[in-house]
Every structure is written in structure tokens, then in C-alpha cells.
C-alpha atoms as a PDB file:
ATOM      1  CA  MET A   1      42.464 -55.504  44.332  1.00  0.00           C
ATOM      2  CA  THR A   2      45.536 -56.734  42.480  1.00  0.00           C
ATOM      3  CA  SER A   3      47.884 -53.948  41.354  1.00  0.00           C
ATOM      4  CA  GLY A   4      48.852 -53.699  37.709  1.00  0.00           C
ATOM      5  CA  ARG A   5      52.179 -54.611  36.117  1.00  0.00           C
ATOM      6  CA  ILE A   6      54.520 -51.855  34.943  1.00  0.00           C
ATOM      7  CA  ILE A   7      56.810 -52.311  31.977  1.00  0.00           C
ATOM      8  CA  PHE A   8      59.181 -49.350  32.308  1.00  0.00           C
ATOM      9  CA  LEU A   9      61.087 -48.413  29.148  1.00  0.00           C
ATOM     10  CA  ASN A  10      64.059 -46.096  29.722  1.00  0.00           C
ATOM     11  CA  GLY A  11      66.296 -44.726  26.988  1.00  0.00           C
ATOM     12  CA  THR A  12      67.389 -41.613  25.195  1.00  0.00           C
ATOM     13  CA  SER A  13      65.252 -39.570  22.902  1.00  0.00           C
ATOM     14  CA  SER A  14      64.906 -41.343  19.488  1.00  0.00           C
ATOM     15  CA  SER A  15      66.014 -44.675  20.928  1.00  0.00           C
ATOM     16  CA  GLY A  16      62.719 -46.320  19.921  1.00  0.00           C
ATOM     17  CA  LYS A  17      60.842 -46.478  23.218  1.00  0.00           C
ATOM     18  CA  SER A  18      57.557 -45.235  21.817  1.00  0.00           C
ATOM     19  CA  SER A  19      57.747 -47.648  18.869  1.00  0.00           C
ATOM     20  CA  ILE A  20      58.330 -50.554  21.271  1.00  0.00           C
ATOM     21  CA  ALA A  21      55.471 -49.412  23.467  1.00  0.00           C
ATOM     22  CA  ARG A  22      53.077 -49.323  20.512  1.00  0.00           C
ATOM     23  CA  GLU A  23      54.178 -52.847  19.505  1.00  0.00           C
ATOM     24  CA  LEU A  24      53.691 -54.066  23.057  1.00  0.00           C
ATOM     25  CA  LEU A  25      50.106 -52.812  23.083  1.00  0.00           C
ATOM     26  CA  ASP A  26      49.586 -54.749  19.839  1.00  0.00           C
ATOM     27  CA  ILE A  27      51.048 -58.111  20.977  1.00  0.00           C
ATOM     28  CA  LEU A  28      50.392 -58.324  24.746  1.00  0.00           C
ATOM     29  CA  ASP A  29      47.411 -60.600  25.015  1.00  0.00           C
ATOM     30  CA  GLU A  30      46.994 -60.868  28.780  1.00  0.00           C
ATOM     31  CA  GLY A  31      45.662 -57.975  30.813  1.00  0.00           C
ATOM     32  CA  VAL A  32      44.822 -54.444  29.642  1.00  0.00           C
ATOM     33  CA  PHE A  33      47.892 -52.298  29.041  1.00  0.00           C
ATOM     34  CA  PHE A  34      48.070 -48.512  28.700  1.00  0.00           C
ATOM     35  CA  HIS A  35      50.958 -46.592  27.146  1.00  0.00           C
ATOM     36  CA  MET A  36      51.963 -43.676  29.388  1.00  0.00           C
ATOM     37  CA  ALA A  37      54.670 -41.453  27.829  1.00  0.00           C
ATOM     38  CA  VAL A  38      56.390 -38.555  29.504  1.00  0.00           C
ATOM     39  CA  ASP A  39      56.251 -36.563  26.225  1.00  0.00           C
ATOM     40  CA  GLY A  40      52.471 -36.840  26.324  1.00  0.00           C
ATOM     41  CA  PHE A  41      52.362 -35.183  29.720  1.00  0.00           C
ATOM     42  CA  GLY A  42      54.644 -32.394  28.533  1.00  0.00           C
ATOM     43  CA  ALA A  43      52.373 -31.821  25.546  1.00  0.00           C
ATOM     44  CA  MET A  44      49.444 -31.064  27.850  1.00  0.00           C
ATOM     45  CA  ARG A  45      51.151 -27.937  29.210  1.00  0.00           C
ATOM     46  CA  THR A  46      49.971 -24.411  28.448  1.00  0.00           C
ATOM     47  CA  ARG A  47      51.339 -22.870  25.270  1.00  0.00           C
ATOM     48  CA  ARG A  48      52.332 -19.677  27.110  1.00  0.00           C
ATOM     49  CA  GLU A  49      56.048 -19.012  26.965  1.00  0.00           C
ATOM     50  CA  LEU A  50      57.711 -19.592  30.334  1.00  0.00           C
ATOM     51  CA  ASP A  51      60.981 -18.090  31.512  1.00  0.00           C
ATOM     52  CA  GLY A  52      63.853 -20.249  32.679  1.00  0.00           C
ATOM     53  CA  ALA A  53      62.971 -20.591  36.390  1.00  0.00           C
ATOM     54  CA  GLU A  54      59.262 -20.941  35.747  1.00  0.00           C
ATOM     55  CA  LEU A  55      59.890 -23.561  33.026  1.00  0.00           C
ATOM     56  CA  ASP A  56      62.235 -25.569  35.222  1.00  0.00           C
ATOM     57  CA  ALA A  57      59.712 -25.650  38.034  1.00  0.00           C
ATOM     58  CA  ALA A  58      56.889 -26.603  35.644  1.00  0.00           C
ATOM     59  CA  LEU A  59      58.935 -29.410  34.116  1.00  0.00           C
ATOM     60  CA  ARG A  60      59.813 -30.826  37.531  1.00  0.00           C
ATOM     61  CA  ARG A  61      56.171 -30.748  38.598  1.00  0.00           C
ATOM     62  CA  THR A  62      55.197 -32.398  35.327  1.00  0.00           C
ATOM     63  CA  ARG A  63      57.598 -35.285  35.794  1.00  0.00           C
ATOM     64  CA  MET A  64      56.600 -35.721  39.443  1.00  0.00           C
ATOM     65  CA  GLY A  65      52.960 -35.786  38.400  1.00  0.00           C
ATOM     66  CA  PHE A  66      53.750 -38.245  35.644  1.00  0.00           C
ATOM     67  CA  HIS A  67      55.364 -40.647  38.097  1.00  0.00           C
ATOM     68  CA  ARG A  68      52.412 -40.430  40.466  1.00  0.00           C
ATOM     69  CA  SER A  69      49.947 -40.872  37.607  1.00  0.00           C
ATOM     70  CA  ILE A  70      51.662 -44.176  36.747  1.00  0.00           C
ATOM     71  CA  ALA A  71      51.431 -45.264  40.348  1.00  0.00           C
ATOM     72  CA  ALA A  72      47.758 -44.347  40.582  1.00  0.00           C
ATOM     73  CA  MET A  73      46.852 -46.193  37.362  1.00  0.00           C
ATOM     74  CA  ALA A  74      48.711 -49.298  38.454  1.00  0.00           C
ATOM     75  CA  GLU A  75      47.313 -49.205  42.009  1.00  0.00           C
ATOM     76  CA  VAL A  76      43.774 -49.812  40.719  1.00  0.00           C
ATOM     77  CA  GLY A  77      44.789 -52.715  38.531  1.00  0.00           C
ATOM     78  CA  ASN A  78      45.794 -51.205  35.204  1.00  0.00           C
ATOM     79  CA  ASP A  79      48.847 -52.613  33.400  1.00  0.00           C
ATOM     80  CA  ILE A  80      51.154 -49.889  32.177  1.00  0.00           C
ATOM     81  CA  VAL A  81      53.884 -49.468  29.570  1.00  0.00           C
ATOM     82  CA  VAL A  82      55.973 -46.482  30.665  1.00  0.00           C
ATOM     83  CA  ASP A  83      57.990 -44.466  28.145  1.00  0.00           C
ATOM     84  CA  HIS A  84      60.506 -42.289  29.980  1.00  0.00           C
ATOM     85  CA  VAL A  85      63.966 -40.648  29.858  1.00  0.00           C
ATOM     86  CA  LEU A  86      65.781 -40.903  33.183  1.00  0.00           C
ATOM     87  CA  SER A  87      68.344 -38.265  32.302  1.00  0.00           C
ATOM     88  CA  GLU A  88      68.386 -36.658  35.770  1.00  0.00           C
ATOM     89  CA  PRO A  89      69.183 -38.673  38.901  1.00  0.00           C
ATOM     90  CA  TRP A  90      66.209 -37.391  40.840  1.00  0.00           C
ATOM     91  CA  ARG A  91      63.746 -38.804  38.294  1.00  0.00           C
ATOM     92  CA  LEU A  92      64.865 -42.365  38.973  1.00  0.00           C
ATOM     93  CA  LEU A  93      64.852 -41.757  42.722  1.00  0.00           C
ATOM     94  CA  ASP A  94      61.335 -40.398  42.576  1.00  0.00           C
ATOM     95  CA  CYS A  95      60.149 -43.406  40.524  1.00  0.00           C
ATOM     96  CA  LEU A  96      61.808 -45.764  42.994  1.00  0.00           C
ATOM     97  CA  THR A  97      59.914 -43.993  45.789  1.00  0.00           C
ATOM     98  CA  VAL A  98      56.421 -43.855  44.329  1.00  0.00           C
ATOM     99  CA  LEU A  99      56.219 -47.034  42.229  1.00  0.00           C
ATOM    100  CA  PRO A 100      55.800 -50.483  43.832  1.00  0.00           C
ATOM    101  CA  PRO A 101      59.182 -52.036  42.962  1.00  0.00           C
ATOM    102  CA  GLU A 102      57.951 -55.611  42.848  1.00  0.00           C
ATOM    103  CA  ASP A 103      55.523 -54.733  40.001  1.00  0.00           C
ATOM    104  CA  VAL A 104      58.077 -53.102  37.677  1.00  0.00           C
ATOM    105  CA  LEU A 105      59.873 -54.729  34.780  1.00  0.00           C
ATOM    106  CA  PHE A 106      62.713 -52.269  34.132  1.00  0.00           C
ATOM    107  CA  VAL A 107      63.879 -52.320  30.527  1.00  0.00           C
ATOM    108  CA  GLY A 108      66.888 -50.461  29.137  1.00  0.00           C
ATOM    109  CA  VAL A 109      66.384 -49.336  25.536  1.00  0.00           C
ATOM    110  CA  HIS A 110      69.771 -48.840  23.823  1.00  0.00           C
ATOM    111  CA  CYS A 111      70.780 -47.599  20.384  1.00  0.00           C
ATOM    112  CA  PRO A 112      74.173 -46.728  18.862  1.00  0.00           C
ATOM    113  CA  LEU A 113      74.961 -43.037  18.941  1.00  0.00           C
ATOM    114  CA  ASP A 114      75.344 -42.665  15.138  1.00  0.00           C
ATOM    115  CA  GLU A 115      71.947 -44.262  14.595  1.00  0.00           C
ATOM    116  CA  LEU A 116      70.407 -41.958  17.227  1.00  0.00           C
ATOM    117  CA  ALA A 117      71.827 -38.950  15.391  1.00  0.00           C
ATOM    118  CA  ARG A 118      70.427 -40.201  12.122  1.00  0.00           C
ATOM    119  CA  ARG A 119      66.942 -40.740  13.610  1.00  0.00           C
ATOM    120  CA  GLU A 120      67.003 -37.390  15.329  1.00  0.00           C
ATOM    121  CA  GLN A 121      67.765 -35.592  12.071  1.00  0.00           C
ATOM    122  CA  ALA A 122      65.169 -37.623  10.154  1.00  0.00           C
ATOM    123  CA  ARG A 123      62.352 -36.934  12.593  1.00  0.00           C
ATOM    124  CA  GLY A 124      63.064 -33.191  12.759  1.00  0.00           C
ATOM    125  CA  ASP A 125      61.139 -32.546  15.981  1.00  0.00           C
ATOM    126  CA  ARG A 126      63.984 -32.762  18.478  1.00  0.00           C
ATOM    127  CA  PRO A 127      66.759 -30.213  19.242  1.00  0.00           C
ATOM    128  CA  PRO A 128      69.958 -31.279  17.487  1.00  0.00           C
ATOM    129  CA  GLY A 129      72.281 -33.158  19.799  1.00  0.00           C
ATOM    130  CA  LEU A 130      69.599 -34.068  22.377  1.00  0.00           C
ATOM    131  CA  ALA A 131      70.157 -37.828  22.179  1.00  0.00           C
ATOM    132  CA  GLU A 132      73.909 -37.399  22.338  1.00  0.00           C
ATOM    133  CA  HIS A 133      73.523 -35.204  25.450  1.00  0.00           C
ATOM    134  CA  GLN A 134      71.396 -37.869  27.127  1.00  0.00           C
ATOM    135  CA  TYR A 135      73.497 -40.825  25.917  1.00  0.00           C
ATOM    136  CA  ASP A 136      75.784 -41.195  28.957  1.00  0.00           C
ATOM    137  CA  LEU A 137      73.130 -40.066  31.486  1.00  0.00           C
ATOM    138  CA  VAL A 138      70.081 -42.294  31.134  1.00  0.00           C
ATOM    139  CA  HIS A 139      71.738 -45.678  31.846  1.00  0.00           C
ATOM    140  CA  ARG A 140      74.347 -44.729  34.397  1.00  0.00           C
ATOM    141  CA  HIS A 141      72.452 -46.356  37.318  1.00  0.00           C
ATOM    142  CA  GLY A 142      73.591 -49.605  35.634  1.00  0.00           C
ATOM    143  CA  ASP A 143      70.857 -52.098  36.515  1.00  0.00           C
ATOM    144  CA  TYR A 144      67.944 -53.502  34.478  1.00  0.00           C
ATOM    145  CA  ASP A 145      65.822 -56.617  34.353  1.00  0.00           C
ATOM    146  CA  LEU A 146      66.103 -56.680  30.540  1.00  0.00           C
ATOM    147  CA  GLU A 147      67.930 -54.656  27.857  1.00  0.00           C
ATOM    148  CA  CYS A 148      67.325 -54.354  24.145  1.00  0.00           C
ATOM    149  CA  ASP A 149      69.181 -52.672  21.279  1.00  0.00           C
ATOM    150  CA  THR A 150      67.042 -51.027  18.664  1.00  0.00           C
ATOM    151  CA  GLY A 151      70.056 -50.622  16.441  1.00  0.00           C
ATOM    152  CA  ALA A 152      70.216 -54.401  16.066  1.00  0.00           C
ATOM    153  CA  LEU A 153      66.566 -55.383  16.433  1.00  0.00           C
ATOM    154  CA  GLY A 154      63.305 -53.834  15.216  1.00  0.00           C
ATOM    155  CA  ALA A 155      60.673 -52.536  17.600  1.00  0.00           C
ATOM    156  CA  ARG A 156      58.540 -55.591  17.107  1.00  0.00           C
ATOM    157  CA  GLU A 157      61.385 -57.942  17.942  1.00  0.00           C
ATOM    158  CA  CYS A 158      62.210 -55.939  21.084  1.00  0.00           C
ATOM    159  CA  ALA A 159      58.556 -56.019  22.128  1.00  0.00           C
ATOM    160  CA  GLN A 160      58.450 -59.794  21.591  1.00  0.00           C
ATOM    161  CA  GLN A 161      61.537 -60.201  23.820  1.00  0.00           C
ATOM    162  CA  ILE A 162      59.820 -58.163  26.552  1.00  0.00           C
ATOM    163  CA  LYS A 163      56.608 -60.115  26.240  1.00  0.00           C
ATOM    164  CA  GLU A 164      58.423 -63.441  26.572  1.00  0.00           C
ATOM    165  CA  PHE A 165      60.422 -62.197  29.579  1.00  0.00           C
ATOM    166  CA  LEU A 166      57.484 -60.631  31.448  1.00  0.00           C
ATOM    167  CA  PRO A 167      56.308 -63.822  33.225  1.00  0.00           C
ATOM    168  CA  TYR A 168      59.857 -64.502  34.446  1.00  0.00           C
ATOM    169  CA  ARG A 169      60.754 -61.277  36.233  1.00  0.00           C
ATOM    170  CA  PRO A 170      63.689 -61.887  38.590  1.00  0.00           C
ATOM    171  CA  ASP A 171      63.340 -61.757  42.349  1.00  0.00           C
ATOM    172  CA  PRO A 172      64.644 -59.382  43.489  1.00  0.00           C
ATOM    173  CA  ASN A 173      64.033 -57.331  40.387  1.00  0.00           C
ATOM    174  CA  ALA A 174      65.988 -54.267  39.237  1.00  0.00           C
ATOM    175  CA  PHE A 175      63.709 -51.691  40.924  1.00  0.00           C
ATOM    176  CA  THR A 176      64.004 -53.585  44.226  1.00  0.00           C
ATOM    177  CA  ARG A 177      67.799 -53.744  43.925  1.00  0.00           C
ATOM    178  CA  LEU A 178      68.080 -50.062  42.929  1.00  0.00           C
ATOM    179  CA  ARG A 179      65.720 -48.982  45.691  1.00  0.00           C
ATOM    180  CA  ARG A 180      67.864 -50.818  48.223  1.00  0.00           C
ATOM    181  CA  ARG A 181      71.073 -49.364  46.813  1.00  0.00           C
ATOM    182  CA  LEU A 182      70.049 -45.787  46.129  1.00  0.00           C
ATOM    183  CA  LEU A 183      67.352 -45.097  48.755  1.00  0.00           C
ATOM    184  CA  THR A 184      68.249 -47.379  51.659  1.00  0.00           C
ATOM    185  CA  GLU A 185      71.998 -47.973  51.485  1.00  0.00           C
ATOM    186  CA  GLY A 186      72.518 -44.564  49.884  1.00  0.00           C
ATOM    187  CA  GLY A 187      70.823 -42.876  52.797  1.00  0.00           C
ATOM    188  CA  GLN A 188      68.091 -41.356  50.716  1.00  0.00           C
ATOM    189  CA  SER A 189      64.657 -41.478  52.296  1.00  0.00           C
ATOM    190  CA  PRO A 190      61.483 -41.702  50.219  1.00  0.00           C
ATOM    191  CA  ALA A 191      60.207 -38.511  51.772  1.00  0.00           C
ATOM    192  CA  ASN A 192      62.901 -36.364  50.183  1.00  0.00           C
ATOM    193  CA  SER A 193      63.722 -38.357  47.039  1.00  0.00           C
ATOM    194  CA  ALA A 194      62.305 -35.648  44.787  1.00  0.00           C
ATOM    195  CA  ASN A 195      65.157 -33.491  46.041  1.00  0.00           C
ATOM    196  CA  PRO A 196      67.977 -36.027  46.035  1.00  0.00           C
ATOM    197  CA  ALA A 197      71.201 -35.636  47.910  1.00  0.00           C
ATOM    198  CA  PRO A 198      74.010 -34.638  45.556  1.00  0.00           C
ATOM    199  CA  SER A 199      76.212 -37.427  46.869  1.00  0.00           C
ATOM    200  CA  ILE A 200      74.246 -40.091  44.997  1.00  0.00           C
ATOM    201  CA  GLU A 201      75.025 -38.898  41.484  1.00  0.00           C
ATOM    202  CA  PRO A 202      76.407 -35.687  40.041  1.00  0.00           C
ATOM    203  CA  THR A 203      73.945 -33.182  38.599  1.00  0.00           C
ATOM    204  CA  GLU A 204      73.739 -33.254  34.846  1.00  0.00           C
ATOM    205  CA  PRO A 205      74.290 -30.097  32.734  1.00  0.00           C
ATOM    206  CA  ALA A 206      71.266 -28.250  31.454  1.00  0.00           C
ATOM    207  CA  GLU A 207      69.555 -29.934  28.507  1.00  0.00           C
ATOM    208  CA  PRO A 208      69.444 -28.170  25.137  1.00  0.00           C
ATOM    209  CA  THR A 209      66.158 -26.572  24.353  1.00  0.00           C
ATOM    210  CA  ASP A 210      64.271 -25.719  21.187  1.00  0.00           C
ATOM    211  CA  PRO A 211      62.988 -22.152  21.401  1.00  0.00           C
ATOM    212  CA  ALA A 212      60.497 -22.797  18.622  1.00  0.00           C
ATOM    213  CA  GLU A 213      58.864 -25.693  20.469  1.00  0.00           C
ATOM    214  CA  PRO A 214      56.829 -24.871  23.608  1.00  0.00           C
ATOM    215  CA  VAL A 215      56.337 -28.549  24.425  1.00  0.00           C
ATOM    216  CA  ASP A 216      59.042 -30.178  26.518  1.00  0.00           C
ATOM    217  CA  VAL A 217      60.778 -32.241  23.857  1.00  0.00           C
ATOM    218  CA  ALA A 218      63.915 -32.596  26.000  1.00  0.00           C
ATOM    219  CA  MET A 219      62.371 -35.199  28.239  1.00  0.00           C
END
């Protein structure tokens, strides 16, 4: 069985990842693609209010389960468009561990900070300042196969760029290079990547939360 392709979109909240993913599902005409978004997994959680430690543990399990769900879908031949926010170092390390690197097209979704703030205010369903908090965190690993700027191009144009690039993924691709650098050369083994060594990247500060919203919108 041939494993599926994974188009992995990484960017801050409000950067346009979900819009690009929807456009990709509309224009990709080879294979059967599914949009898997981390926010969707968070939205499945119980509505019961969780305290700080319980919430942190639940969010970590949710993200780990999300990563493994992507891997499972792709393993049986499904093509996937992933919509994620890699704002904590361990999330990337976990993805590098559980996803087949050769099947991943890693796409950085960028947007100017002032435009992110405008979108965040307009949508009204994100804690104020969330995108700014994530801005310097999500791309600090510094390696992609392809990057797009939704401040300069519309979601459809970005999706078209990705579609045209997909058949020409580099070898080695970004996930292979990152896996080699962060897991192998960095001394991090796949077995403990969900609890990464602090020497790889500094731990980020706690994300802002929205007490009125039980769903994890700070993904």
C-alpha cells in the first residue's frame, strides 16, 4: 500500500492556514485529500472546565493524538492537508518522529504582524494578542520546502503555488533535514521526542487563554 502525501501548513493563528487548506481541497485534482486541523481536534474536547494542570495535560495529549492521527490516515493511503501551529518546540519534534519525513511537504504560512492583528480583531474568536505571541515562535526552526505570504497573496493564489510545487518536492526535503538536525545530530531520540531535551530550543512562555472559550483556541 502506498502511503499518502502530507501537505503540512504551519503558521500563527489567523495567518490563513485554514483558508489555504480549503482552497487546496477545491483545486487539488489528483488523489483524495483530507483537511486535518488541530483546532478541530481541540473542539472535540469535553466542555467541562479544566484547571491549569489538567488542561495542560489534556492539550498535550490532544496534540500528540492529532499527530498520530495524521500518521495513521496517511499510512493507509490518504492524502492529508495539515493545519497546525508549531508554537512549542516539542510539537515539531513529535511530528518529525511520527510522520514519514519523505512524504511531507512542509509549508510555512507567513503574514505581517499588523495584518494578523487586524484579522484577529475582525474574527473575534481568538484571545487578543495570540498571533503576536506566536509570531516569533512558529517559524524559528527555520526550514521549509515552500513558504507563502498571505499578506501579499490570497488563499487561492497560495494554494495554487502549493499545488504547482507538490510534484517537485526537494530531496532531501525539509522534514528529512529537520529530522536529521533536531533528532539525530541534536541527540534527540524518537522514543522521547514528546518530552524534548531543553537544549534544543528554549521553552516558550505560557500562551494567553480565553476564559470564556472552553475549546483550545490557542493552538
